[in-house]
């Protein structure tokens, strides 16, 4: 459910989701890819002890 909200509100996740849809990926595949991206971002934030930074997350 967090991913469904992020796809609407978070510009980084929204752009990733739209890019995957534009590449003609199935919606379920795009959602799972975005969920994995979110987990990777959150894990790195915890590991490094930093707060959310949109510019860093875009990479």
C-alpha atoms as a PDB file:
ATOM      1  CA  UNK A   1       0.000   0.000   0.000  1.00  0.00           C
ATOM      2  CA  UNK A   2       2.902   2.354   0.632  1.00  0.00           C
ATOM      3  CA  UNK A   3       3.961   1.934  -2.981  1.00  0.00           C
ATOM      4  CA  UNK A   4       0.523   2.836  -4.321  1.00  0.00           C
ATOM      5  CA  UNK A   5       0.701   6.114  -2.381  1.00  0.00           C
ATOM      6  CA  UNK A   6       4.317   6.735  -3.406  1.00  0.00           C
ATOM      7  CA  UNK A   7       3.466   6.257  -7.085  1.00  0.00           C
ATOM      8  CA  UNK A   8       1.009   9.140  -6.785  1.00  0.00           C
ATOM      9  CA  UNK A   9       2.896  11.506  -4.475  1.00  0.00           C
ATOM     10  CA  UNK A  10       6.644  10.818  -4.618  1.00  0.00           C
ATOM     11  CA  UNK A  11       8.226  12.372  -7.732  1.00  0.00           C
ATOM     12  CA  UNK A  12      11.127   9.868  -7.815  1.00  0.00           C
ATOM     13  CA  UNK A  13       8.918   6.782  -7.628  1.00  0.00           C
ATOM     14  CA  UNK A  14       6.325   8.345  -9.920  1.00  0.00           C
ATOM     15  CA  UNK A  15       8.952   8.973 -12.606  1.00  0.00           C
ATOM     16  CA  UNK A  16      10.311   5.438 -12.288  1.00  0.00           C
ATOM     17  CA  UNK A  17       6.830   3.937 -12.571  1.00  0.00           C
ATOM     18  CA  UNK A  18       5.986   6.052 -15.611  1.00  0.00           C
ATOM     19  CA  UNK A  19       9.309   5.197 -17.296  1.00  0.00           C
ATOM     20  CA  UNK A  20       8.588   1.491 -16.873  1.00  0.00           C
ATOM     21  CA  UNK A  21       5.060   1.856 -18.231  1.00  0.00           C
ATOM     22  CA  UNK A  22       6.416   3.802 -21.209  1.00  0.00           C
ATOM     23  CA  UNK A  23       8.764   0.867 -21.840  1.00  0.00           C
ATOM     24  CA  UNK A  24       5.618  -1.286 -22.110  1.00  0.00           C
ATOM     25  CA  UNK A  25       6.235  -3.245 -18.926  1.00  0.00           C
ATOM     26  CA  UNK A  26       3.158  -4.800 -17.284  1.00  0.00           C
ATOM     27  CA  UNK A  27       1.763  -2.739 -14.409  1.00  0.00           C
ATOM     28  CA  UNK A  28       2.466  -5.453 -11.843  1.00  0.00           C
ATOM     29  CA  UNK A  29       6.107  -5.589 -12.926  1.00  0.00           C
ATOM     30  CA  UNK A  30       6.400  -1.799 -12.665  1.00  0.00           C
ATOM     31  CA  UNK A  31       4.851  -1.790  -9.178  1.00  0.00           C
ATOM     32  CA  UNK A  32       7.238  -4.476  -7.920  1.00  0.00           C
ATOM     33  CA  UNK A  33      10.231  -2.685  -9.450  1.00  0.00           C
ATOM     34  CA  UNK A  34       9.185   0.535  -7.697  1.00  0.00           C
ATOM     35  CA  UNK A  35       8.681  -1.325  -4.412  1.00  0.00           C
ATOM     36  CA  UNK A  36      12.202  -2.730  -4.701  1.00  0.00           C
ATOM     37  CA  UNK A  37      13.560   0.744  -5.469  1.00  0.00           C
ATOM     38  CA  UNK A  38      11.830   2.088  -2.351  1.00  0.00           C
ATOM     39  CA  UNK A  39      13.280  -0.705  -0.186  1.00  0.00           C
ATOM     40  CA  UNK A  40      16.777  -0.049  -1.538  1.00  0.00           C
ATOM     41  CA  UNK A  41      16.432   3.704  -0.880  1.00  0.00           C
ATOM     42  CA  UNK A  42      15.097   3.151   2.657  1.00  0.00           C
ATOM     43  CA  UNK A  43      17.797   0.596   3.440  1.00  0.00           C
ATOM     44  CA  UNK A  44      20.546   2.961   2.318  1.00  0.00           C
ATOM     45  CA  UNK A  45      19.005   5.786   4.361  1.00  0.00           C
ATOM     46  CA  UNK A  46      19.071   3.601   7.475  1.00  0.00           C
ATOM     47  CA  UNK A  47      22.592   2.357   6.759  1.00  0.00           C
ATOM     48  CA  UNK A  48      23.988   5.863   6.249  1.00  0.00           C
ATOM     49  CA  UNK A  49      21.824   7.582   8.870  1.00  0.00           C
ATOM     50  CA  UNK A  50      20.578  10.270   6.486  1.00  0.00           C
ATOM     51  CA  UNK A  51      17.204  11.856   5.842  1.00  0.00           C
ATOM     52  CA  UNK A  52      15.294  11.769   2.543  1.00  0.00           C
ATOM     53  CA  UNK A  53      16.926  13.782  -0.215  1.00  0.00           C
ATOM     54  CA  UNK A  54      15.156  13.736  -3.569  1.00  0.00           C
ATOM     55  CA  UNK A  55      18.315  14.641  -5.489  1.00  0.00           C
ATOM     56  CA  UNK A  56      20.231  11.662  -4.115  1.00  0.00           C
ATOM     57  CA  UNK A  57      17.282   9.258  -4.588  1.00  0.00           C
ATOM     58  CA  UNK A  58      17.006  10.095  -8.308  1.00  0.00           C
ATOM     59  CA  UNK A  59      20.347   8.392  -9.045  1.00  0.00           C
END
